[in-house]
Amino acid sequence: MSHSTVPRGRAQAKTQAKDGAAPSAEAPGSVKPGKSRGRSKAKGDGLSGKVSLRIRLRRDRTLILMTVPAILLILVFNYIPVFGNVVAFQDYDPYLSDNGFVAMLQSPWVGFEQFDRVFADSEFWHAVQNTFVLFFLQLVLFFPIPILLALLINSVLRPRVRAMAQAIMYLPHFFSWVLVVTVFQQIFGGAGVIAQTLADHGSTGFDLMTDPESFKYLVTLQSVWKDAGWGIIVFLAALSSVSNDLYEAAAMDGANRWRRMWHITLPALRPVIALLLVLRVGDALTVGFEQLLLQRQAVGPEASEVLDTYVWWNGIRNQDFSYAAAAGLIKGIVGLTLVLVANKVAHLMGEQGVYKK
């Protein structure tokens, strides 16, 4: 009678494995499935768990210290002045006290009387009309130009030529509006280069800087010349993240330059375009205070009056602070509403916008 050399426990395990049944006995040193899952979960919690606030502050203290000046500037110039909107519900008189805050506390409350004055003022609605006209013109004529220029510069193969073109287009962004208006005055004014050239050839009467009918297009042209280079940098940064392998693969598949731009370049710019468009819509009621104020006398308030200049003229020049605060508060509420609506539209289009859902 022959005896098997395989141990009894191992032979039983092999037999159960062939039959499809789990072995009833556990091998020495093995871990139960429940215990294994528990240990794995505990290990995962240790690796991917939330870091405490104290550890994060210690880890990121250098970055936090770098942002402190910017945070203080935002608090002082953006958030603390928000409390001054209370004067929109008062008949504010700054001469009640030497301290403006004390004068605010002593001024009588009038409720929504200032808002009724604003809505009943025809000049306010005229300023709103001019503001939206300039916004739509700048949205249609100005917003696409940085995108087109970025695509043009990105197609230049020589890095030196690309850097020089970008620097030339970006340089006017550092000019003040006083200098920009002066340059346009020397070109399009009554004594400018174009007018002098036409006068030498027998033509007279050219002065684009004092023409109320063409003023809105002139303002848009000034904004394009000054700030188009700033937008180019944003779009070029987005284009730099696109891998060249995508262009090479598309070229090997037979896609020409226009096909590569339509299916690779523009989809890469789409999130940035959506974000900047939302921000631009939110800034619709701010179309250039200093730029328009400098040219107000040349073309008159009928063509140049917008909400910013309207608030300044009534609040600073006429010292009607409560009335101007009410008009400014209306502008802020409408701007916030436009941001929320535009961001919702961006979400419906599948983009992130200013914030996620």
Foldseek 3Di string as FASTA:
>chain_A
DDDDPDDPLVVVCVVCVVVVHHDPDDDPPDDDPVVVVVVVVVVVCVVPPDDDPVVVCVVCVVVVVVCVVVVVVCCVPPPVCVVVLVLLQFQQDCPVDPDNVVSSVPTGGNGNPLVVVLVPDPLNVLQAVLLLVLLVCCVVPPLCLLVVVLVVLVPDDDPVVSVVVLCQQQVLLPDDLVVLVVVCCQDQAQPHDVQVVVVVVPDHDGGPLQALVCVSVVLSVSCNSRCSSVSNVVLNVLQVPFDVVLVVVCVVVPDDPVRCCVPGSVVSCVQVSLQVVLVSQLCSQPSDDVNLVVSCVRHHCSRRRHLNVVLCCCCPVVVSPSSSSSSVVVSNVVSVVSSVVSCVVCVVVVHCHPHHD
